[in-house]
Amino acid sequence: MREVFFKDRNRLTALSKQVAQVFQFYFKRKSKKRDLKVGVITVIHTFGRDLKFNPHIHALVTEGTLDNKNEWVPSQEVRLSILEDI
């Protein structure tokens, strides 16, 4: 995958947006009636500590969500294996 991102860096932007959408999907699925929305900030990193090309995404996620009435709903810790739940 590194070669794909190395040749077309715009794909990293698309990947970053997809990561944010995964979190939105996860919380929306937890309560469809309340239409939960979570805050997500993604950061694209293209290099590791050794300065070799190593594209990856970091995500900051709020510890709660807003429901369809704009009320704050505290959330439990999101498991690192979020994809297993989908």
C-alpha atoms as a PDB file:
ATOM      1  CA  MET A   1       0.000   0.000   0.000  1.00  0.00           C
ATOM      2  CA  ARG A   2       2.879   2.396   0.639  1.00  0.00           C
ATOM      3  CA  GLU A   3       3.671   2.482  -3.064  1.00  0.00           C
ATOM      4  CA  VAL A   4       0.070   3.451  -3.904  1.00  0.00           C
ATOM      5  CA  PHE A   5       0.176   6.393  -1.492  1.00  0.00           C
ATOM      6  CA  PHE A   6       3.694   7.359  -2.551  1.00  0.00           C
ATOM      7  CA  LYS A   7       2.626   7.665  -6.189  1.00  0.00           C
ATOM      8  CA  ASP A   8      -0.618   9.531  -5.437  1.00  0.00           C
ATOM      9  CA  ARG A   9      -0.568  11.542  -2.207  1.00  0.00           C
ATOM     10  CA  ASN A  10      -4.161  12.710  -2.793  1.00  0.00           C
ATOM     11  CA  ARG A  11      -5.280   9.223  -1.798  1.00  0.00           C
ATOM     12  CA  LEU A  12      -4.099   9.993   1.737  1.00  0.00           C
ATOM     13  CA  THR A  13      -6.742  12.723   1.942  1.00  0.00           C
ATOM     14  CA  ALA A  14      -9.383  10.240   0.829  1.00  0.00           C
ATOM     15  CA  LEU A  15      -8.133   7.727   3.414  1.00  0.00           C
ATOM     16  CA  SER A  16      -8.300  10.367   6.138  1.00  0.00           C
ATOM     17  CA  LYS A  17     -11.936  11.131   5.272  1.00  0.00           C
ATOM     18  CA  GLN A  18     -12.778   7.433   5.268  1.00  0.00           C
ATOM     19  CA  VAL A  19     -11.297   7.017   8.758  1.00  0.00           C
ATOM     20  CA  ALA A  20     -13.558   9.811  10.052  1.00  0.00           C
ATOM     21  CA  GLN A  21     -16.557   8.192   8.338  1.00  0.00           C
ATOM     22  CA  VAL A  22     -15.830   4.856  10.035  1.00  0.00           C
ATOM     23  CA  PHE A  23     -16.116   6.534  13.439  1.00  0.00           C
ATOM     24  CA  GLN A  24     -19.350   8.292  12.413  1.00  0.00           C
ATOM     25  CA  PHE A  25     -20.773   4.976  11.187  1.00  0.00           C
ATOM     26  CA  TYR A  26     -19.770   3.220  14.415  1.00  0.00           C
ATOM     27  CA  PHE A  27     -21.590   5.705  16.639  1.00  0.00           C
ATOM     28  CA  LYS A  28     -24.589   6.083  14.351  1.00  0.00           C
ATOM     29  CA  ARG A  29     -25.034   2.320  14.517  1.00  0.00           C
ATOM     30  CA  LYS A  30     -24.984   2.378  18.331  1.00  0.00           C
ATOM     31  CA  SER A  31     -28.262   4.330  18.421  1.00  0.00           C
ATOM     32  CA  LYS A  32     -30.071   4.848  15.142  1.00  0.00           C
ATOM     33  CA  LYS A  33     -33.015   6.624  16.803  1.00  0.00           C
ATOM     34  CA  ARG A  34     -30.812   9.284  18.417  1.00  0.00           C
ATOM     35  CA  ASP A  35     -28.640   9.825  15.305  1.00  0.00           C
ATOM     36  CA  LEU A  36     -25.423  10.169  17.320  1.00  0.00           C
ATOM     37  CA  LYS A  37     -22.660  12.325  15.827  1.00  0.00           C
ATOM     38  CA  VAL A  38     -19.114  12.177  17.139  1.00  0.00           C
ATOM     39  CA  GLY A  39     -16.325  14.727  16.731  1.00  0.00           C
ATOM     40  CA  VAL A  40     -13.326  13.432  14.794  1.00  0.00           C
ATOM     41  CA  ILE A  41     -10.061  15.068  13.784  1.00  0.00           C
ATOM     42  CA  THR A  42      -7.716  13.067  11.575  1.00  0.00           C
ATOM     43  CA  VAL A  43      -4.055  13.815  11.003  1.00  0.00           C
ATOM     44  CA  ILE A  44      -2.046  12.390   8.138  1.00  0.00           C
ATOM     45  CA  HIS A  45       1.507  11.336   8.961  1.00  0.00           C
ATOM     46  CA  THR A  46       3.674  10.345   6.033  1.00  0.00           C
ATOM     47  CA  PHE A  47       6.954   9.525   7.758  1.00  0.00           C
ATOM     48  CA  GLY A  48       8.001   7.537  10.800  1.00  0.00           C
ATOM     49  CA  ARG A  49      10.723   8.353  13.325  1.00  0.00           C
ATOM     50  CA  ASP A  50      13.365   6.908  11.026  1.00  0.00           C
ATOM     51  CA  LEU A  51      12.190   9.338   8.277  1.00  0.00           C
ATOM     52  CA  LYS A  52      11.208   6.518   5.942  1.00  0.00           C
ATOM     53  CA  PHE A  53       7.949   6.886   4.040  1.00  0.00           C
ATOM     54  CA  ASN A  54       5.345   5.343   6.329  1.00  0.00           C
ATOM     55  CA  PRO A  55       1.883   6.810   5.642  1.00  0.00           C
ATOM     56  CA  HIS A  56      -0.631   6.439   8.463  1.00  0.00           C
ATOM     57  CA  ILE A  57      -3.549   8.251  10.057  1.00  0.00           C
ATOM     58  CA  HIS A  58      -3.960   9.414  13.662  1.00  0.00           C
ATOM     59  CA  ALA A  59      -7.482  10.137  14.885  1.00  0.00           C
ATOM     60  CA  LEU A  60      -8.674  12.237  17.820  1.00  0.00           C
ATOM     61  CA  VAL A  61     -12.218  11.318  18.811  1.00  0.00           C
ATOM     62  CA  THR A  62     -14.467  13.082  21.325  1.00  0.00           C
ATOM     63  CA  GLU A  63     -15.450  11.220  24.505  1.00  0.00           C
ATOM     64  CA  GLY A  64     -19.085  11.670  23.682  1.00  0.00           C
ATOM     65  CA  THR A  65     -21.550  12.420  20.945  1.00  0.00           C
ATOM     66  CA  LEU A  66     -24.332  14.850  20.120  1.00  0.00           C
ATOM     67  CA  ASP A  67     -27.758  13.369  19.546  1.00  0.00           C
ATOM     68  CA  ASN A  68     -30.516  14.621  17.259  1.00  0.00           C
ATOM     69  CA  LYS A  69     -31.617  17.089  20.002  1.00  0.00           C
ATOM     70  CA  ASN A  70     -28.045  18.467  20.297  1.00  0.00           C
ATOM     71  CA  GLU A  71     -27.721  16.902  23.757  1.00  0.00           C
ATOM     72  CA  TRP A  72     -24.336  15.596  24.859  1.00  0.00           C
ATOM     73  CA  VAL A  73     -24.194  11.824  25.286  1.00  0.00           C
ATOM     74  CA  PRO A  74     -21.063  10.509  27.033  1.00  0.00           C
ATOM     75  CA  SER A  75     -19.645   7.487  25.259  1.00  0.00           C
ATOM     76  CA  GLN A  76     -17.672   4.518  26.403  1.00  0.00           C
ATOM     77  CA  GLU A  77     -14.114   4.018  25.298  1.00  0.00           C
ATOM     78  CA  VAL A  78     -13.896   3.044  21.646  1.00  0.00           C
ATOM     79  CA  ARG A  79     -12.157  -0.260  21.231  1.00  0.00           C
ATOM     80  CA  LEU A  80      -9.022  -0.202  19.124  1.00  0.00           C
ATOM     81  CA  SER A  81     -10.505  -3.045  17.111  1.00  0.00           C
ATOM     82  CA  ILE A  82     -13.369  -0.859  15.888  1.00  0.00           C
ATOM     83  CA  LEU A  83     -13.501  -2.684  12.558  1.00  0.00           C
ATOM     84  CA  GLU A  84     -14.413  -5.946  14.287  1.00  0.00           C
ATOM     85  CA  ASP A  85     -17.714  -4.375  15.383  1.00  0.00           C
ATOM     86  CA  ILE A  86     -18.752  -3.328  11.890  1.00  0.00           C
END
